Amino acid sequence: MVPGVSVSQVARRYDVNANLVFKWLKDRRFGPAAERDVAEAVFLPIEVIADGARAVEATPDAGPVIEVRLPTGVAMTIRGAFDPDAVARLVRGLGA
Protein backbone atom coordinates (compact mmCIF):
# COMPACT_ATOMS: atom_id res chain seq x y z
CA MET A 1 0.00 0.00 0.00
CA VAL A 2 3.08 2.23 -0.24
CA PRO A 3 3.34 4.30 -3.44
CA GLY A 4 5.96 2.86 -5.80
CA VAL A 5 6.11 -0.56 -4.12
CA SER A 6 4.52 -3.53 -5.87
CA VAL A 7 2.93 -6.57 -4.29
CA SER A 8 5.43 -8.82 -6.05
CA GLN A 9 8.34 -6.85 -4.52
CA VAL A 10 6.88 -7.27 -1.04
CA ALA A 11 6.19 -10.97 -1.65
CA ARG A 12 9.77 -11.61 -2.80
CA ARG A 13 11.22 -9.61 0.09
CA TYR A 14 9.39 -11.74 2.67
CA ASP A 15 9.49 -14.99 0.68
CA VAL A 16 5.72 -15.42 0.43
CA ASN A 17 3.42 -15.95 -2.53
CA ALA A 18 2.07 -12.74 -4.09
CA ASN A 19 -1.47 -14.20 -4.03
CA LEU A 20 -1.21 -14.40 -0.24
CA VAL A 21 -0.28 -10.71 -0.05
CA PHE A 22 -3.29 -9.85 -2.23
CA LYS A 23 -5.49 -11.91 0.10
CA TRP A 24 -4.13 -10.02 3.13
CA LEU A 25 -4.80 -6.69 1.40
CA LYS A 26 -8.48 -7.63 1.04
CA ASP A 27 -8.78 -8.85 4.65
CA ARG A 28 -10.24 -6.02 6.70
CA ARG A 29 -8.41 -7.23 9.83
CA PHE A 30 -5.20 -5.90 8.29
CA GLY A 31 -6.66 -2.61 7.06
CA PRO A 32 -6.49 0.79 8.75
CA ALA A 33 -7.91 0.90 12.29
CA ALA A 34 -10.89 2.98 11.13
CA GLU A 35 -11.99 0.15 8.81
CA ARG A 36 -11.87 -2.72 11.29
CA ASP A 37 -13.49 -3.67 14.54
CA VAL A 38 -10.62 -3.45 17.04
CA ALA A 39 -12.30 -5.93 19.40
CA GLU A 40 -12.14 -8.53 16.62
CA ALA A 41 -8.34 -8.50 16.21
CA VAL A 42 -6.76 -10.21 19.22
CA PHE A 43 -3.09 -11.11 19.27
CA LEU A 44 -1.49 -12.97 22.13
CA PRO A 45 2.20 -12.59 23.01
CA ILE A 46 4.04 -15.88 22.61
CA GLU A 47 7.51 -17.19 23.31
CA VAL A 48 8.87 -20.13 21.31
CA ILE A 49 10.98 -22.48 23.41
CA ALA A 50 13.18 -25.23 21.99
CA ASP A 51 12.15 -28.87 22.53
CA GLY A 52 13.02 -30.09 25.99
CA ALA A 53 13.66 -26.59 27.34
CA ARG A 54 11.54 -25.17 30.13
CA ALA A 55 10.37 -21.61 30.44
CA VAL A 56 11.54 -19.52 33.36
CA GLU A 57 9.01 -19.94 36.12
CA ALA A 58 6.87 -16.91 36.83
CA THR A 59 6.93 -15.19 40.19
CA PRO A 60 4.06 -16.13 42.52
CA ASP A 61 2.39 -12.71 42.05
CA ALA A 62 2.20 -13.10 38.25
CA GLY A 63 -1.50 -14.02 38.39
CA PRO A 64 -3.25 -17.10 37.02
CA VAL A 65 -1.32 -19.70 35.04
CA ILE A 66 -2.78 -22.13 32.49
CA GLU A 67 -0.71 -24.90 30.93
CA VAL A 68 -2.08 -26.71 27.86
CA ARG A 69 -0.49 -29.79 26.29
CA LEU A 70 -1.95 -30.96 22.99
CA PRO A 71 -1.77 -34.52 21.64
CA THR A 72 0.46 -33.16 18.85
CA GLY A 73 3.17 -32.46 21.44
CA VAL A 74 2.64 -28.70 21.42
CA ALA A 75 2.63 -27.22 24.91
CA MET A 76 1.81 -23.68 25.92
CA THR A 77 1.75 -21.81 29.18
CA ILE A 78 -0.39 -18.72 29.60
CA ARG A 79 0.38 -16.39 32.50
CA GLY A 80 -1.48 -13.40 33.83
CA ALA A 81 -4.66 -11.89 32.44
CA PHE A 82 -6.00 -13.50 29.28
CA ASP A 83 -9.04 -13.56 27.02
CA PRO A 84 -10.60 -17.04 27.33
CA ASP A 85 -12.09 -16.84 23.82
CA ALA A 86 -8.70 -15.95 22.32
CA VAL A 87 -7.05 -18.84 24.16
CA ALA A 88 -9.75 -21.24 22.91
CA ARG A 89 -9.21 -20.05 19.31
CA LEU A 90 -5.46 -20.50 19.72
CA VAL A 91 -5.85 -24.05 21.04
CA ARG A 92 -8.25 -24.94 18.20
CA GLY A 93 -5.81 -23.44 15.67
CA LEU A 94 -2.81 -25.30 17.04
CA GLY A 95 -4.75 -28.55 17.29
CA ALA A 96 -5.61 -28.56 13.57
C-alpha atoms as a PDB file:
ATOM      1  CA  MET A   1       0.000   0.000   0.000  1.00  0.00           C
ATOM      2  CA  VAL A   2       3.079   2.234  -0.238  1.00  0.00           C
ATOM      3  CA  PRO A   3       3.341   4.298  -3.443  1.00  0.00           C
ATOM      4  CA  GLY A   4       5.960   2.864  -5.800  1.00  0.00           C
ATOM      5  CA  VAL A   5       6.107  -0.557  -4.120  1.00  0.00           C
ATOM      6  CA  SER A   6       4.517  -3.530  -5.869  1.00  0.00           C
ATOM      7  CA  VAL A   7       2.927  -6.570  -4.286  1.00  0.00           C
ATOM      8  CA  SER A   8       5.427  -8.822  -6.051  1.00  0.00           C
ATOM      9  CA  GLN A   9       8.337  -6.850  -4.516  1.00  0.00           C
ATOM     10  CA  VAL A  10       6.880  -7.268  -1.039  1.00  0.00           C
ATOM     11  CA  ALA A  11       6.195 -10.972  -1.647  1.00  0.00           C
ATOM     12  CA  ARG A  12       9.766 -11.613  -2.796  1.00  0.00           C
ATOM     13  CA  ARG A  13      11.215  -9.615   0.092  1.00  0.00           C
ATOM     14  CA  TYR A  14       9.395 -11.744   2.673  1.00  0.00           C
ATOM     15  CA  ASP A  15       9.495 -14.993   0.679  1.00  0.00           C
ATOM     16  CA  VAL A  16       5.719 -15.418   0.426  1.00  0.00           C
ATOM     17  CA  ASN A  17       3.417 -15.949  -2.531  1.00  0.00           C
ATOM     18  CA  ALA A  18       2.068 -12.736  -4.091  1.00  0.00           C
ATOM     19  CA  ASN A  19      -1.468 -14.200  -4.029  1.00  0.00           C
ATOM     20  CA  LEU A  20      -1.213 -14.403  -0.244  1.00  0.00           C
ATOM     21  CA  VAL A  21      -0.283 -10.710  -0.046  1.00  0.00           C
ATOM     22  CA  PHE A  22      -3.291  -9.850  -2.233  1.00  0.00           C
ATOM     23  CA  LYS A  23      -5.489 -11.906   0.100  1.00  0.00           C
ATOM     24  CA  TRP A  24      -4.134 -10.016   3.125  1.00  0.00           C
ATOM     25  CA  LEU A  25      -4.795  -6.687   1.400  1.00  0.00           C
ATOM     26  CA  LYS A  26      -8.478  -7.633   1.041  1.00  0.00           C
ATOM     27  CA  ASP A  27      -8.777  -8.847   4.647  1.00  0.00           C
ATOM     28  CA  ARG A  28     -10.244  -6.020   6.704  1.00  0.00           C
ATOM     29  CA  ARG A  29      -8.411  -7.227   9.832  1.00  0.00           C
ATOM     30  CA  PHE A  30      -5.195  -5.900   8.287  1.00  0.00           C
ATOM     31  CA  GLY A  31      -6.662  -2.613   7.058  1.00  0.00           C
ATOM     32  CA  PRO A  32      -6.492   0.791   8.748  1.00  0.00           C
ATOM     33  CA  ALA A  33      -7.906   0.899  12.285  1.00  0.00           C
ATOM     34  CA  ALA A  34     -10.888   2.980  11.130  1.00  0.00           C
ATOM     35  CA  GLU A  35     -11.993   0.147   8.812  1.00  0.00           C
ATOM     36  CA  ARG A  36     -11.871  -2.721  11.290  1.00  0.00           C
ATOM     37  CA  ASP A  37     -13.492  -3.669  14.542  1.00  0.00           C
ATOM     38  CA  VAL A  38     -10.619  -3.448  17.036  1.00  0.00           C
ATOM     39  CA  ALA A  39     -12.295  -5.933  19.400  1.00  0.00           C
ATOM     40  CA  GLU A  40     -12.142  -8.530  16.617  1.00  0.00           C
ATOM     41  CA  ALA A  41      -8.336  -8.502  16.206  1.00  0.00           C
ATOM     42  CA  VAL A  42      -6.762 -10.211  19.215  1.00  0.00           C
ATOM     43  CA  PHE A  43      -3.086 -11.105  19.266  1.00  0.00           C
ATOM     44  CA  LEU A  44      -1.485 -12.973  22.131  1.00  0.00           C
ATOM     45  CA  PRO A  45       2.196 -12.592  23.007  1.00  0.00           C
ATOM     46  CA  ILE A  46       4.043 -15.881  22.608  1.00  0.00           C
ATOM     47  CA  GLU A  47       7.508 -17.191  23.305  1.00  0.00           C
ATOM     48  CA  VAL A  48       8.871 -20.126  21.310  1.00  0.00           C
ATOM     49  CA  ILE A  49      10.984 -22.478  23.415  1.00  0.00           C
ATOM     50  CA  ALA A  50      13.182 -25.233  21.991  1.00  0.00           C
ATOM     51  CA  ASP A  51      12.145 -28.868  22.534  1.00  0.00           C
ATOM     52  CA  GLY A  52      13.015 -30.092  25.992  1.00  0.00           C
ATOM     53  CA  ALA A  53      13.655 -26.592  27.345  1.00  0.00           C
ATOM     54  CA  ARG A  54      11.537 -25.170  30.132  1.00  0.00           C
ATOM     55  CA  ALA A  55      10.369 -21.613  30.443  1.00  0.00           C
ATOM     56  CA  VAL A  56      11.538 -19.518  33.360  1.00  0.00           C
ATOM     57  CA  GLU A  57       9.008 -19.944  36.115  1.00  0.00           C
ATOM     58  CA  ALA A  58       6.867 -16.908  36.833  1.00  0.00           C
ATOM     59  CA  THR A  59       6.933 -15.190  40.185  1.00  0.00           C
ATOM     60  CA  PRO A  60       4.056 -16.125  42.521  1.00  0.00           C
ATOM     61  CA  ASP A  61       2.389 -12.713  42.051  1.00  0.00           C
ATOM     62  CA  ALA A  62       2.197 -13.101  38.245  1.00  0.00           C
ATOM     63  CA  GLY A  63      -1.502 -14.022  38.393  1.00  0.00           C
ATOM     64  CA  PRO A  64      -3.252 -17.096  37.019  1.00  0.00           C
ATOM     65  CA  VAL A  65      -1.322 -19.704  35.044  1.00  0.00           C
ATOM     66  CA  ILE A  66      -2.778 -22.131  32.486  1.00  0.00           C
ATOM     67  CA  GLU A  67      -0.708 -24.902  30.926  1.00  0.00           C
ATOM     68  CA  VAL A  68      -2.076 -26.705  27.859  1.00  0.00           C
ATOM     69  CA  ARG A  69      -0.489 -29.795  26.288  1.00  0.00           C
ATOM     70  CA  LEU A  70      -1.945 -30.957  22.990  1.00  0.00           C
ATOM     71  CA  PRO A  71      -1.770 -34.517  21.642  1.00  0.00           C
ATOM     72  CA  THR A  72       0.459 -33.162  18.853  1.00  0.00           C
ATOM     73  CA  GLY A  73       3.174 -32.464  21.436  1.00  0.00           C
ATOM     74  CA  VAL A  74       2.640 -28.701  21.419  1.00  0.00           C
ATOM     75  CA  ALA A  75       2.626 -27.220  24.909  1.00  0.00           C
ATOM     76  CA  MET A  76       1.809 -23.685  25.918  1.00  0.00           C
ATOM     77  CA  THR A  77       1.750 -21.809  29.180  1.00  0.00           C
ATOM     78  CA  ILE A  78      -0.389 -18.715  29.599  1.00  0.00           C
ATOM     79  CA  ARG A  79       0.378 -16.393  32.504  1.00  0.00           C
ATOM     80  CA  GLY A  80      -1.479 -13.400  33.829  1.00  0.00           C
ATOM     81  CA  ALA A  81      -4.661 -11.893  32.444  1.00  0.00           C
ATOM     82  CA  PHE A  82      -6.005 -13.499  29.281  1.00  0.00           C
ATOM     83  CA  ASP A  83      -9.044 -13.561  27.023  1.00  0.00           C
ATOM     84  CA  PRO A  84     -10.601 -17.041  27.329  1.00  0.00           C
ATOM     85  CA  ASP A  85     -12.094 -16.844  23.823  1.00  0.00           C
ATOM     86  CA  ALA A  86      -8.699 -15.950  22.319  1.00  0.00           C
ATOM     87  CA  VAL A  87      -7.052 -18.843  24.162  1.00  0.00           C
ATOM     88  CA  ALA A  88      -9.748 -21.237  22.911  1.00  0.00           C
ATOM     89  CA  ARG A  89      -9.206 -20.048  19.311  1.00  0.00           C
ATOM     90  CA  LEU A  90      -5.457 -20.499  19.721  1.00  0.00           C
ATOM     91  CA  VAL A  91      -5.851 -24.048  21.044  1.00  0.00           C
ATOM     92  CA  ARG A  92      -8.246 -24.938  18.198  1.00  0.00           C
ATOM     93  CA  GLY A  93      -5.810 -23.442  15.666  1.00  0.00           C
ATOM     94  CA  LEU A  94      -2.811 -25.304  17.042  1.00  0.00           C
ATOM     95  CA  GLY A  95      -4.754 -28.550  17.293  1.00  0.00           C
ATOM     96  CA  ALA A  96      -5.605 -28.564  13.572  1.00  0.00           C
END
